[in-house]
PDB file of all heavy atoms in Angstrom:
ATOM      1  N   PHE A   1      98.482 -79.121   3.369  1.00  0.00           N
ATOM      2  CA  PHE A   1      98.121 -79.297   1.969  1.00  0.00           C
ATOM      3  C   PHE A   1      97.287 -80.559   1.769  1.00  0.00           C
ATOM      4  O   PHE A   1      96.229 -80.530   1.126  1.00  0.00           O
ATOM      5  CB  PHE A   1      99.388 -79.364   1.107  1.00  0.00           C
ATOM      6  CG  PHE A   1      99.107 -79.684  -0.336  1.00  0.00           C
ATOM      7  CD1 PHE A   1      98.623 -78.711  -1.197  1.00  0.00           C
ATOM      8  CD2 PHE A   1      99.309 -80.967  -0.827  1.00  0.00           C
ATOM      9  CE1 PHE A   1      98.350 -79.005  -2.536  1.00  0.00           C
ATOM     10  CE2 PHE A   1      99.046 -81.275  -2.153  1.00  0.00           C
ATOM     11  CZ  PHE A   1      98.564 -80.290  -3.008  1.00  0.00           C
ATOM     12  N   HIS A   2      97.743 -81.674   2.329  1.00  0.00           N
ATOM     13  CA  HIS A   2      97.022 -82.940   2.164  1.00  0.00           C
ATOM     14  C   HIS A   2      95.636 -82.867   2.806  1.00  0.00           C
ATOM     15  O   HIS A   2      94.652 -83.366   2.243  1.00  0.00           O
ATOM     16  CB  HIS A   2      97.836 -84.072   2.783  1.00  0.00           C
ATOM     17  CG  HIS A   2      97.189 -85.426   2.660  1.00  0.00           C
ATOM     18  ND1 HIS A   2      96.757 -85.948   1.459  1.00  0.00           N
ATOM     19  CD2 HIS A   2      96.899 -86.370   3.604  1.00  0.00           C
ATOM     20  CE1 HIS A   2      96.232 -87.144   1.653  1.00  0.00           C
ATOM     21  NE2 HIS A   2      96.302 -87.421   2.955  1.00  0.00           N
ATOM     22  N   PHE A   3      95.558 -82.242   3.969  1.00  0.00           N
ATOM     23  CA  PHE A   3      94.270 -82.122   4.646  1.00  0.00           C
ATOM     24  C   PHE A   3      93.284 -81.299   3.815  1.00  0.00           C
ATOM     25  O   PHE A   3      92.137 -81.711   3.605  1.00  0.00           O
ATOM     26  CB  PHE A   3      94.444 -81.476   6.016  1.00  0.00           C
ATOM     27  CG  PHE A   3      93.133 -81.085   6.649  1.00  0.00           C
ATOM     28  CD1 PHE A   3      92.227 -82.052   7.072  1.00  0.00           C
ATOM     29  CD2 PHE A   3      92.796 -79.749   6.809  1.00  0.00           C
ATOM     30  CE1 PHE A   3      91.007 -81.697   7.643  1.00  0.00           C
ATOM     31  CE2 PHE A   3      91.591 -79.379   7.378  1.00  0.00           C
ATOM     32  CZ  PHE A   3      90.687 -80.361   7.789  1.00  0.00           C
ATOM     33  N   SER A   4      93.723 -80.129   3.344  1.00  0.00           N
ATOM     34  CA  SER A   4      92.810 -79.243   2.598  1.00  0.00           C
ATOM     35  C   SER A   4      92.286 -79.932   1.341  1.00  0.00           C
ATOM     36  O   SER A   4      91.089 -79.873   1.030  1.00  0.00           O
ATOM     37  CB  SER A   4      93.531 -77.947   2.225  1.00  0.00           C
ATOM     38  OG  SER A   4      93.903 -77.237   3.387  1.00  0.00           O
ATOM     39  N   ARG A   5      93.179 -80.611   0.638  1.00  0.00           N
ATOM     40  CA  ARG A   5      92.771 -81.296  -0.602  1.00  0.00           C
ATOM     41  C   ARG A   5      91.836 -82.464  -0.298  1.00  0.00           C
ATOM     42  O   ARG A   5      90.811 -82.645  -0.967  1.00  0.00           O
ATOM     43  CB  ARG A   5      94.009 -81.799  -1.346  1.00  0.00           C
ATOM     44  CG  ARG A   5      93.688 -82.459  -2.689  1.00  0.00           C
ATOM     45  CD  ARG A   5      94.942 -82.856  -3.415  1.00  0.00           C
ATOM     46  NE  ARG A   5      95.730 -83.824  -2.643  1.00  0.00           N
ATOM     47  CZ  ARG A   5      96.892 -84.332  -3.078  1.00  0.00           C
ATOM     48  NH1 ARG A   5      97.406 -83.950  -4.232  1.00  0.00           N
ATOM     49  NH2 ARG A   5      97.545 -85.209  -2.332  1.00  0.00           N
ATOM     50  N   THR A   6      92.149 -83.253   0.723  1.00  0.00           N
ATOM     51  CA  THR A   6      91.333 -84.415   1.065  1.00  0.00           C
ATOM     52  C   THR A   6      89.971 -84.006   1.598  1.00  0.00           C
ATOM     53  O   THR A   6      88.935 -84.590   1.235  1.00  0.00           O
ATOM     54  CB  THR A   6      92.059 -85.289   2.109  1.00  0.00           C
ATOM     55  OG1 THR A   6      93.354 -85.639   1.613  1.00  0.00           O
ATOM     56  CG2 THR A   6      91.266 -86.551   2.406  1.00  0.00           C
ATOM     57  N   PHE A   7      89.942 -83.008   2.453  1.00  0.00           N
ATOM     58  CA  PHE A   7      88.682 -82.523   3.016  1.00  0.00           C
ATOM     59  C   PHE A   7      87.746 -82.057   1.899  1.00  0.00           C
ATOM     60  O   PHE A   7      86.567 -82.422   1.869  1.00  0.00           O
ATOM     61  CB  PHE A   7      88.978 -81.370   3.981  1.00  0.00           C
ATOM     62  CG  PHE A   7      87.799 -80.940   4.822  1.00  0.00           C
ATOM     63  CD1 PHE A   7      87.653 -81.417   6.120  1.00  0.00           C
ATOM     64  CD2 PHE A   7      86.862 -80.041   4.338  1.00  0.00           C
ATOM     65  CE1 PHE A   7      86.581 -81.018   6.912  1.00  0.00           C
ATOM     66  CE2 PHE A   7      85.787 -79.634   5.119  1.00  0.00           C
ATOM     67  CZ  PHE A   7      85.643 -80.122   6.403  1.00  0.00           C
ATOM     68  N   ASN A   8      88.285 -81.278   0.972  1.00  0.00           N
ATOM     69  CA  ASN A   8      87.470 -80.758  -0.134  1.00  0.00           C
ATOM     70  C   ASN A   8      86.965 -81.884  -1.022  1.00  0.00           C
ATOM     71  O   ASN A   8      85.802 -81.877  -1.458  1.00  0.00           O
ATOM     72  CB  ASN A   8      88.298 -79.771  -0.951  1.00  0.00           C
ATOM     73  CG  ASN A   8      87.448 -78.920  -1.879  1.00  0.00           C
ATOM     74  OD1 ASN A   8      86.235 -78.845  -1.708  1.00  0.00           O
ATOM     75  ND2 ASN A   8      88.071 -78.286  -2.850  1.00  0.00           N
ATOM     76  N   THR A   9      87.801 -82.877  -1.287  1.00  0.00           N
ATOM     77  CA  THR A   9      87.408 -84.003  -2.127  1.00  0.00           C
ATOM     78  C   THR A   9      86.272 -84.808  -1.498  1.00  0.00           C
ATOM     79  O   THR A   9      85.308 -85.179  -2.170  1.00  0.00           O
ATOM     80  CB  THR A   9      88.614 -84.926  -2.381  1.00  0.00           C
ATOM     81  OG1 THR A   9      89.626 -84.186  -3.079  1.00  0.00           O
ATOM     82  CG2 THR A   9      88.210 -86.132  -3.208  1.00  0.00           C
ATOM     83  N   ILE A  10      86.368 -85.070  -0.200  1.00  0.00           N
ATOM     84  CA  ILE A  10      85.398 -85.935   0.467  1.00  0.00           C
ATOM     85  C   ILE A  10      84.128 -85.200   0.844  1.00  0.00           C
ATOM     86  O   ILE A  10      83.021 -85.726   0.697  1.00  0.00           O
ATOM     87  CB  ILE A  10      86.042 -86.581   1.710  1.00  0.00           C
ATOM     88  CG1 ILE A  10      87.080 -87.615   1.260  1.00  0.00           C
ATOM     89  CG2 ILE A  10      84.997 -87.233   2.625  1.00  0.00           C
ATOM     90  CD1 ILE A  10      87.851 -88.270   2.379  1.00  0.00           C
ATOM     91  N   LEU A  11      84.245 -83.952   1.294  1.00  0.00           N
ATOM     92  CA  LEU A  11      83.073 -83.233   1.800  1.00  0.00           C
ATOM     93  C   LEU A  11      82.434 -82.304   0.779  1.00  0.00           C
ATOM     94  O   LEU A  11      81.270 -81.939   0.909  1.00  0.00           O
ATOM     95  CB  LEU A  11      83.462 -82.450   3.056  1.00  0.00           C
ATOM     96  CG  LEU A  11      82.342 -82.014   3.986  1.00  0.00           C
ATOM     97  CD1 LEU A  11      81.498 -83.214   4.438  1.00  0.00           C
ATOM     98  CD2 LEU A  11      82.918 -81.310   5.199  1.00  0.00           C
ATOM     99  N   GLY A  12      83.210 -81.917  -0.257  1.00  0.00           N
ATOM    100  CA  GLY A  12      82.663 -80.998  -1.248  1.00  0.00           C
ATOM    101  C   GLY A  12      82.753 -79.542  -0.837  1.00  0.00           C
ATOM    102  O   GLY A  12      82.213 -78.670  -1.510  1.00  0.00           O
ATOM    103  N   HIS A  13      83.416 -79.273   0.273  1.00  0.00           N
ATOM    104  CA  HIS A  13      83.672 -77.914   0.752  1.00  0.00           C
ATOM    105  C   HIS A  13      85.134 -77.815   1.145  1.00  0.00           C
ATOM    106  O   HIS A  13      85.706 -78.781   1.672  1.00  0.00           O
ATOM    107  CB  HIS A  13      82.835 -77.589   1.998  1.00  0.00           C
ATOM    108  CG  HIS A  13      81.364 -77.613   1.786  1.00  0.00           C
ATOM    109  ND1 HIS A  13      80.639 -76.506   1.410  1.00  0.00           N
ATOM    110  CD2 HIS A  13      80.459 -78.613   1.917  1.00  0.00           C
ATOM    111  CE1 HIS A  13      79.359 -76.826   1.320  1.00  0.00           C
ATOM    112  NE2 HIS A  13      79.229 -78.108   1.615  1.00  0.00           N
ATOM    113  N   SER A  14      85.738 -76.661   0.935  1.00  0.00           N
ATOM    114  CA  SER A  14      87.048 -76.434   1.538  1.00  0.00           C
ATOM    115  C   SER A  14      86.872 -76.362   3.048  1.00  0.00           C
ATOM    116  O   SER A  14      85.768 -76.081   3.543  1.00  0.00           O
ATOM    117  CB  SER A  14      87.646 -75.121   1.023  1.00  0.00           C
ATOM    118  OG  SER A  14      86.936 -74.018   1.566  1.00  0.00           O
ATOM    119  N   PRO A  15      87.928 -76.624   3.819  1.00  0.00           N
ATOM    120  CA  PRO A  15      87.785 -76.515   5.274  1.00  0.00           C
ATOM    121  C   PRO A  15      87.288 -75.144   5.710  1.00  0.00           C
ATOM    122  O   PRO A  15      86.432 -75.044   6.597  1.00  0.00           O
ATOM    123  CB  PRO A  15      89.201 -76.792   5.779  1.00  0.00           C
ATOM    124  CG  PRO A  15      89.836 -77.629   4.725  1.00  0.00           C
ATOM    125  CD  PRO A  15      89.266 -77.126   3.431  1.00  0.00           C
ATOM    126  N   TYR A  16      87.805 -74.099   5.093  1.00  0.00           N
ATOM    127  CA  TYR A  16      87.384 -72.744   5.463  1.00  0.00           C
ATOM    128  C   TYR A  16      85.900 -72.542   5.167  1.00  0.00           C
ATOM    129  O   TYR A  16      85.151 -72.003   6.001  1.00  0.00           O
ATOM    130  CB  TYR A  16      88.220 -71.711   4.699  1.00  0.00           C
ATOM    131  CG  TYR A  16      87.783 -70.283   4.941  1.00  0.00           C
ATOM    132  CD1 TYR A  16      88.167 -69.607   6.096  1.00  0.00           C
ATOM    133  CD2 TYR A  16      86.983 -69.609   4.011  1.00  0.00           C
ATOM    134  CE1 TYR A  16      87.763 -68.303   6.332  1.00  0.00           C
ATOM    135  CE2 TYR A  16      86.583 -68.305   4.234  1.00  0.00           C
ATOM    136  CZ  TYR A  16      86.969 -67.657   5.391  1.00  0.00           C
ATOM    137  OH  TYR A  16      86.560 -66.364   5.609  1.00  0.00           O
ATOM    138  N   ASP A  17      85.458 -72.975   3.992  1.00  0.00           N
ATOM    139  CA  ASP A  17      84.058 -72.817   3.619  1.00  0.00           C
ATOM    140  C   ASP A  17      83.154 -73.592   4.576  1.00  0.00           C
ATOM    141  O   ASP A  17      82.104 -73.090   5.002  1.00  0.00           O
ATOM    142  CB  ASP A  17      83.852 -73.304   2.180  1.00  0.00           C
ATOM    143  CG  ASP A  17      82.428 -73.101   1.684  1.00  0.00           C
ATOM    144  OD1 ASP A  17      81.929 -71.969   1.773  1.00  0.00           O
ATOM    145  OD2 ASP A  17      81.809 -74.084   1.227  1.00  0.00           O
ATOM    146  N   TYR A  18      83.556 -74.790   4.926  1.00  0.00           N
ATOM    147  CA  TYR A  18      82.749 -75.598   5.850  1.00  0.00           C
ATOM    148  C   TYR A  18      82.634 -74.909   7.211  1.00  0.00           C
ATOM    149  O   TYR A  18      81.539 -74.807   7.779  1.00  0.00           O
ATOM    150  CB  TYR A  18      83.355 -76.993   6.028  1.00  0.00           C
ATOM    151  CG  TYR A  18      82.635 -77.793   7.086  1.00  0.00           C
ATOM    152  CD1 TYR A  18      81.438 -78.447   6.793  1.00  0.00           C
ATOM    153  CD2 TYR A  18      83.121 -77.864   8.396  1.00  0.00           C
ATOM    154  CE1 TYR A  18      80.751 -79.154   7.774  1.00  0.00           C
ATOM    155  CE2 TYR A  18      82.440 -78.572   9.373  1.00  0.00           C
ATOM    156  CZ  TYR A  18      81.254 -79.207   9.059  1.00  0.00           C
ATOM    157  OH  TYR A  18      80.560 -79.894  10.033  1.00  0.00           O
ATOM    158  N   ILE A  19      83.766 -74.454   7.746  1.00  0.00           N
ATOM    159  CA  ILE A  19      83.737 -73.806   9.064  1.00  0.00           C
ATOM    160  C   ILE A  19      82.862 -72.552   9.025  1.00  0.00           C
ATOM    161  O   ILE A  19      82.051 -72.311   9.935  1.00  0.00           O
ATOM    162  CB  ILE A  19      85.166 -73.466   9.524  1.00  0.00           C
ATOM    163  CG1 ILE A  19      85.936 -74.756   9.812  1.00  0.00           C
ATOM    164  CG2 ILE A  19      85.132 -72.581  10.777  1.00  0.00           C
ATOM    165  CD1 ILE A  19      87.419 -74.545  10.065  1.00  0.00           C
ATOM    166  N   MET A  20      83.002 -71.762   7.968  1.00  0.00           N
ATOM    167  CA  MET A  20      82.177 -70.556   7.850  1.00  0.00           C
ATOM    168  C   MET A  20      80.694 -70.899   7.788  1.00  0.00           C
ATOM    169  O   MET A  20      79.861 -70.276   8.472  1.00  0.00           O
ATOM    170  CB  MET A  20      82.576 -69.775   6.589  1.00  0.00           C
ATOM    171  CG  MET A  20      83.906 -69.084   6.689  1.00  0.00           C
ATOM    172  SD  MET A  20      83.830 -67.598   7.741  1.00  0.00           S
ATOM    173  CE  MET A  20      82.927 -66.487   6.658  1.00  0.00           C
ATOM    174  N   ARG A  21      80.331 -71.902   6.990  1.00  0.00           N
ATOM    175  CA  ARG A  21      78.913 -72.263   6.838  1.00  0.00           C
ATOM    176  C   ARG A  21      78.343 -72.850   8.124  1.00  0.00           C
ATOM    177  O   ARG A  21      77.189 -72.601   8.476  1.00  0.00           O
ATOM    178  CB  ARG A  21      78.746 -73.246   5.671  1.00  0.00           C
ATOM    179  CG  ARG A  21      78.945 -72.589   4.321  1.00  0.00           C
ATOM    180  CD  ARG A  21      78.726 -73.517   3.144  1.00  0.00           C
ATOM    181  NE  ARG A  21      78.873 -72.775   1.915  1.00  0.00           N
ATOM    182  CZ  ARG A  21      77.921 -72.023   1.370  1.00  0.00           C
ATOM    183  NH1 ARG A  21      76.733 -71.965   1.937  1.00  0.00           N
ATOM    184  NH2 ARG A  21      78.148 -71.350   0.259  1.00  0.00           N
ATOM    185  N   ARG A  22      79.141 -73.620   8.839  1.00  0.00           N
ATOM    186  CA  ARG A  22      78.657 -74.152  10.109  1.00  0.00           C
ATOM    187  C   ARG A  22      78.495 -73.042  11.139  1.00  0.00           C
ATOM    188  O   ARG A  22      77.495 -73.010  11.870  1.00  0.00           O
ATOM    189  CB  ARG A  22      79.633 -75.222  10.628  1.00  0.00           C
ATOM    190  CG  ARG A  22      79.507 -76.538   9.916  1.00  0.00           C
ATOM    191  CD  ARG A  22      78.162 -77.225  10.215  1.00  0.00           C
ATOM    192  NE  ARG A  22      78.026 -77.444  11.653  1.00  0.00           N
ATOM    193  CZ  ARG A  22      76.977 -77.073  12.368  1.00  0.00           C
ATOM    194  NH1 ARG A  22      75.933 -76.472  11.794  1.00  0.00           N
ATOM    195  NH2 ARG A  22      76.942 -77.293  13.666  1.00  0.00           N
ATOM    196  N   ARG A  23      79.448 -72.127  11.212  1.00  0.00           N
ATOM    197  CA  ARG A  23      79.335 -71.021  12.164  1.00  0.00           C
ATOM    198  C   ARG A  23      78.133 -70.138  11.832  1.00  0.00           C
ATOM    199  O   ARG A  23      77.369 -69.740  12.727  1.00  0.00           O
ATOM    200  CB  ARG A  23      80.621 -70.198  12.166  1.00  0.00           C
ATOM    201  CG  ARG A  23      81.765 -70.878  12.910  1.00  0.00           C
ATOM    202  CD  ARG A  23      83.060 -70.089  12.812  1.00  0.00           C
ATOM    203  NE  ARG A  23      84.061 -70.635  13.738  1.00  0.00           N
ATOM    204  CZ  ARG A  23      85.352 -70.323  13.707  1.00  0.00           C
ATOM    205  NH1 ARG A  23      85.803 -69.484  12.776  1.00  0.00           N
ATOM    206  NH2 ARG A  23      86.187 -70.851  14.584  1.00  0.00           N
ATOM    207  N   LEU A  24      77.950 -69.832  10.567  1.00  0.00           N
ATOM    208  CA  LEU A  24      76.816 -69.001  10.170  1.00  0.00           C
ATOM    209  C   LEU A  24      75.489 -69.708  10.421  1.00  0.00           C
ATOM    210  O   LEU A  24      74.502 -69.068  10.795  1.00  0.00           O
ATOM    211  CB  LEU A  24      76.952 -68.597   8.699  1.00  0.00           C
ATOM    212  CG  LEU A  24      78.054 -67.581   8.401  1.00  0.00           C
ATOM    213  CD1 LEU A  24      78.326 -67.512   6.898  1.00  0.00           C
ATOM    214  CD2 LEU A  24      77.683 -66.199   8.932  1.00  0.00           C
ATOM    215  N   SER A  25      75.459 -71.018  10.208  1.00  0.00           N
ATOM    216  CA  SER A  25      74.231 -71.782  10.463  1.00  0.00           C
ATOM    217  C   SER A  25      73.853 -71.720  11.938  1.00  0.00           C
ATOM    218  O   SER A  25      72.693 -71.481  12.294  1.00  0.00           O
ATOM    219  CB  SER A  25      74.410 -73.240  10.028  1.00  0.00           C
ATOM    220  OG  SER A  25      74.603 -73.337   8.636  1.00  0.00           O
ATOM    221  N   GLU A  26      74.830 -71.915  12.816  1.00  0.00           N
ATOM    222  CA  GLU A  26      74.545 -71.860  14.246  1.00  0.00           C
ATOM    223  C   GLU A  26      74.227 -70.443  14.688  1.00  0.00           C
ATOM    224  O   GLU A  26      73.374 -70.225  15.563  1.00  0.00           O
ATOM    225  CB  GLU A  26      75.724 -72.427  15.035  1.00  0.00           C
ATOM    226  CG  GLU A  26      75.957 -73.917  14.809  1.00  0.00           C
ATOM    227  CD  GLU A  26      74.719 -74.745  15.089  1.00  0.00           C
ATOM    228  OE1 GLU A  26      74.110 -74.575  16.163  1.00  0.00           O
ATOM    229  OE2 GLU A  26      74.355 -75.575  14.224  1.00  0.00           O
ATOM    230  N   ALA A  27      74.896 -69.464  14.084  1.00  0.00           N
ATOM    231  CA  ALA A  27      74.590 -68.071  14.399  1.00  0.00           C
ATOM    232  C   ALA A  27      73.151 -67.728  14.010  1.00  0.00           C
ATOM    233  O   ALA A  27      72.431 -67.052  14.760  1.00  0.00           O
ATOM    234  CB  ALA A  27      75.562 -67.145  13.665  1.00  0.00           C
ATOM    235  N   ALA A  28      72.719 -68.208  12.846  1.00  0.00           N
ATOM    236  CA  ALA A  28      71.342 -67.952  12.408  1.00  0.00           C
ATOM    237  C   ALA A  28      70.340 -68.565  13.378  1.00  0.00           C
ATOM    238  O   ALA A  28      69.306 -67.950  13.692  1.00  0.00           O
ATOM    239  CB  ALA A  28      71.131 -68.513  10.999  1.00  0.00           C
ATOM    240  N   LYS A  29      70.624 -69.757  13.869  1.00  0.00           N
ATOM    241  CA  LYS A  29      69.731 -70.402  14.839  1.00  0.00           C
ATOM    242  C   LYS A  29      69.672 -69.585  16.136  1.00  0.00           C
ATOM    243  O   LYS A  29      68.610 -69.464  16.760  1.00  0.00           O
ATOM    244  CB  LYS A  29      70.185 -71.827  15.119  1.00  0.00           C
ATOM    245  CG  LYS A  29      70.040 -72.758  13.924  1.00  0.00           C
ATOM    246  CD  LYS A  29      70.648 -74.127  14.207  1.00  0.00           C
ATOM    247  CE  LYS A  29      70.648 -75.000  12.965  1.00  0.00           C
ATOM    248  NZ  LYS A  29      71.303 -76.317  13.207  1.00  0.00           N
ATOM    249  N   ASN A  30      70.810 -69.004  16.544  1.00  0.00           N
ATOM    250  CA  ASN A  30      70.822 -68.130  17.716  1.00  0.00           C
ATOM    251  C   ASN A  30      69.924 -66.923  17.500  1.00  0.00           C
ATOM    252  O   ASN A  30      69.169 -66.521  18.391  1.00  0.00           O
ATOM    253  CB  ASN A  30      72.244 -67.652  18.012  1.00  0.00           C
ATOM    254  CG  ASN A  30      73.077 -68.643  18.805  1.00  0.00           C
ATOM    255  OD1 ASN A  30      74.045 -68.276  19.454  1.00  0.00           O
ATOM    256  ND2 ASN A  30      72.718 -69.917  18.757  1.00  0.00           N
ATOM    257  N   LEU A  31      69.987 -66.337  16.303  1.00  0.00           N
ATOM    258  CA  LEU A  31      69.160 -65.162  16.004  1.00  0.00           C
ATOM    259  C   LEU A  31      67.678 -65.517  15.983  1.00  0.00           C
ATOM    260  O   LEU A  31      66.833 -64.703  16.367  1.00  0.00           O
ATOM    261  CB  LEU A  31      69.574 -64.564  14.660  1.00  0.00           C
ATOM    262  CG  LEU A  31      71.004 -64.019  14.565  1.00  0.00           C
ATOM    263  CD1 LEU A  31      71.267 -63.459  13.176  1.00  0.00           C
ATOM    264  CD2 LEU A  31      71.267 -62.957  15.617  1.00  0.00           C
ATOM    265  N   LEU A  32      67.373 -66.716  15.543  1.00  0.00           N
ATOM    266  CA  LEU A  32      65.979 -67.149  15.470  1.00  0.00           C
ATOM    267  C   LEU A  32      65.401 -67.499  16.839  1.00  0.00           C
ATOM    268  O   LEU A  32      64.235 -67.205  17.114  1.00  0.00           O
ATOM    269  CB  LEU A  32      65.864 -68.374  14.557  1.00  0.00           C
ATOM    270  CG  LEU A  32      65.996 -68.143  13.052  1.00  0.00           C
ATOM    271  CD1 LEU A  32      66.238 -69.462  12.341  1.00  0.00           C
ATOM    272  CD2 LEU A  32      64.753 -67.456  12.498  1.00  0.00           C
ATOM    273  N   HIS A  33      66.214 -68.108  17.686  1.00  0.00           N
ATOM    274  CA  HIS A  33      65.656 -68.752  18.873  1.00  0.00           C
ATOM    275  C   HIS A  33      66.137 -68.193  20.208  1.00  0.00           C
ATOM    276  O   HIS A  33      65.739 -68.703  21.253  1.00  0.00           O
ATOM    277  CB  HIS A  33      65.968 -70.253  18.822  1.00  0.00           C
ATOM    278  CG  HIS A  33      65.477 -70.922  17.571  1.00  0.00           C
ATOM    279  ND1 HIS A  33      64.150 -70.911  17.188  1.00  0.00           N
ATOM    280  CD2 HIS A  33      66.141 -71.609  16.600  1.00  0.00           C
ATOM    281  CE1 HIS A  33      64.015 -71.570  16.045  1.00  0.00           C
ATOM    282  NE2 HIS A  33      65.203 -71.991  15.666  1.00  0.00           N
ATOM    283  N   THR A  34      67.001 -67.175  20.177  1.00  0.00           N
ATOM    284  CA  THR A  34      67.432 -66.550  21.423  1.00  0.00           C
ATOM    285  C   THR A  34      67.292 -65.041  21.292  1.00  0.00           C
ATOM    286  O   THR A  34      66.986 -64.518  20.214  1.00  0.00           O
ATOM    287  CB  THR A  34      68.902 -66.890  21.762  1.00  0.00           C
ATOM    288  OG1 THR A  34      69.785 -66.104  20.942  1.00  0.00           O
ATOM    289  CG2 THR A  34      69.193 -68.369  21.558  1.00  0.00           C
ATOM    290  N   ASP A  35      67.564 -64.345  22.380  1.00  0.00           N
ATOM    291  CA  ASP A  35      67.543 -62.876  22.371  1.00  0.00           C
ATOM    292  C   ASP A  35      68.944 -62.297  22.503  1.00  0.00           C
ATOM    293  O   ASP A  35      69.109 -61.122  22.851  1.00  0.00           O
ATOM    294  CB  ASP A  35      66.651 -62.359  23.511  1.00  0.00           C
ATOM    295  CG  ASP A  35      65.178 -62.688  23.280  1.00  0.00           C
ATOM    296  OD1 ASP A  35      64.725 -62.563  22.121  1.00  0.00           O
ATOM    297  OD2 ASP A  35      64.493 -63.091  24.234  1.00  0.00           O
ATOM    298  N   GLU A  36      69.967 -63.108  22.217  1.00  0.00           N
ATOM    299  CA  GLU A  36      71.328 -62.588  22.233  1.00  0.00           C
ATOM    300  C   GLU A  36      71.465 -61.438  21.239  1.00  0.00           C
ATOM    301  O   GLU A  36      70.912 -61.488  20.130  1.00  0.00           O
ATOM    302  CB  GLU A  36      72.316 -63.688  21.853  1.00  0.00           C
ATOM    303  CG  GLU A  36      72.501 -64.785  22.875  1.00  0.00           C
ATOM    304  CD  GLU A  36      73.549 -65.795  22.413  1.00  0.00           C
ATOM    305  OE1 GLU A  36      74.751 -65.468  22.450  1.00  0.00           O
ATOM    306  OE2 GLU A  36      73.154 -66.905  22.004  1.00  0.00           O
ATOM    307  N   LYS A  37      72.228 -60.414  21.603  1.00  0.00           N
ATOM    308  CA  LYS A  37      72.464 -59.306  20.694  1.00  0.00           C
ATOM    309  C   LYS A  37      73.221 -59.798  19.457  1.00  0.00           C
ATOM    310  O   LYS A  37      74.058 -60.703  19.547  1.00  0.00           O
ATOM    311  CB  LYS A  37      73.283 -58.216  21.392  1.00  0.00           C
ATOM    312  CG  LYS A  37      72.544 -57.517  22.531  1.00  0.00           C
ATOM    313  CD  LYS A  37      73.435 -56.455  23.164  1.00  0.00           C
ATOM    314  CE  LYS A  37      72.688 -55.751  24.301  1.00  0.00           C
ATOM    315  NZ  LYS A  37      73.546 -54.723  24.952  1.00  0.00           N
ATOM    316  N   ILE A  38      72.932 -59.174  18.327  1.00  0.00           N
ATOM    317  CA  ILE A  38      73.567 -59.600  17.078  1.00  0.00           C
ATOM    318  C   ILE A  38      75.080 -59.489  17.177  1.00  0.00           C
ATOM    319  O   ILE A  38      75.809 -60.389  16.739  1.00  0.00           O
ATOM    320  CB  ILE A  38      73.019 -58.778  15.881  1.00  0.00           C
ATOM    321  CG1 ILE A  38      71.537 -59.109  15.649  1.00  0.00           C
ATOM    322  CG2 ILE A  38      73.833 -59.065  14.617  1.00  0.00           C
ATOM    323  CD1 ILE A  38      70.884 -58.295  14.559  1.00  0.00           C
ATOM    324  N   ILE A  39      75.589 -58.430  17.775  1.00  0.00           N
ATOM    325  CA  ILE A  39      77.036 -58.276  17.895  1.00  0.00           C
ATOM    326  C   ILE A  39      77.630 -59.384  18.758  1.00  0.00           C
ATOM    327  O   ILE A  39      78.706 -59.910  18.479  1.00  0.00           O
ATOM    328  CB  ILE A  39      77.402 -56.881  18.470  1.00  0.00           C
ATOM    329  CG1 ILE A  39      78.928 -56.722  18.570  1.00  0.00           C
ATOM    330  CG2 ILE A  39      76.743 -56.664  19.819  1.00  0.00           C
ATOM    331  CD1 ILE A  39      79.661 -56.822  17.279  1.00  0.00           C
ATOM    332  N   ASP A  40      76.905 -59.800  19.795  1.00  0.00           N
ATOM    333  CA  ASP A  40      77.395 -60.880  20.657  1.00  0.00           C
ATOM    334  C   ASP A  40      77.408 -62.218  19.917  1.00  0.00           C
ATOM    335  O   ASP A  40      78.319 -63.037  20.109  1.00  0.00           O
ATOM    336  CB  ASP A  40      76.537 -60.977  21.920  1.00  0.00           C
ATOM    337  CG  ASP A  40      76.716 -59.782  22.849  1.00  0.00           C
ATOM    338  OD1 ASP A  40      77.770 -59.126  22.756  1.00  0.00           O
ATOM    339  OD2 ASP A  40      75.798 -59.494  23.638  1.00  0.00           O
ATOM    340  N   VAL A  41      76.386 -62.440  19.078  1.00  0.00           N
ATOM    341  CA  VAL A  41      76.355 -63.662  18.270  1.00  0.00           C
ATOM    342  C   VAL A  41      77.530 -63.656  17.289  1.00  0.00           C
ATOM    343  O   VAL A  41      78.208 -64.672  17.111  1.00  0.00           O
ATOM    344  CB  VAL A  41      75.015 -63.782  17.519  1.00  0.00           C
ATOM    345  CG1 VAL A  41      75.052 -64.953  16.537  1.00  0.00           C
ATOM    346  CG2 VAL A  41      73.863 -63.952  18.501  1.00  0.00           C
ATOM    347  N   ALA A  42      77.781 -62.507  16.658  1.00  0.00           N
ATOM    348  CA  ALA A  42      78.892 -62.401  15.710  1.00  0.00           C
ATOM    349  C   ALA A  42      80.226 -62.716  16.391  1.00  0.00           C
ATOM    350  O   ALA A  42      81.034 -63.498  15.883  1.00  0.00           O
ATOM    351  CB  ALA A  42      78.920 -61.006  15.099  1.00  0.00           C
ATOM    352  N   LEU A  43      80.455 -62.122  17.552  1.00  0.00           N
ATOM    353  CA  LEU A  43      81.706 -62.350  18.267  1.00  0.00           C
ATOM    354  C   LEU A  43      81.826 -63.796  18.741  1.00  0.00           C
ATOM    355  O   LEU A  43      82.910 -64.385  18.709  1.00  0.00           O
ATOM    356  CB  LEU A  43      81.806 -61.392  19.452  1.00  0.00           C
ATOM    357  CG  LEU A  43      81.972 -59.905  19.093  1.00  0.00           C
ATOM    358  CD1 LEU A  43      81.858 -59.044  20.343  1.00  0.00           C
ATOM    359  CD2 LEU A  43      83.298 -59.653  18.387  1.00  0.00           C
ATOM    360  N   LYS A  44      80.703 -64.368  19.169  1.00  0.00           N
ATOM    361  CA  LYS A  44      80.692 -65.755  19.644  1.00  0.00           C
ATOM    362  C   LYS A  44      81.204 -66.703  18.570  1.00  0.00           C
ATOM    363  O   LYS A  44      81.939 -67.659  18.859  1.00  0.00           O
ATOM    364  CB  LYS A  44      79.268 -66.133  20.055  1.00  0.00           C
ATOM    365  CG  LYS A  44      79.075 -67.578  20.494  1.00  0.00           C
ATOM    366  CD  LYS A  44      77.614 -67.817  20.867  1.00  0.00           C
ATOM    367  CE  LYS A  44      77.349 -69.247  21.271  1.00  0.00           C
ATOM    368  NZ  LYS A  44      75.906 -69.454  21.627  1.00  0.00           N
TER     369      LYS A  44
END
């Protein structure tokens, strides 16, 4: 509870939202700059 509230206060994102946005950002870079299959990027 303390972590979730503090993380959101300081970063402006919930921990879940931050992790999702970081994973999607890196996944998008993989799609742009590699030939990995989309399903493999998703699973990664």
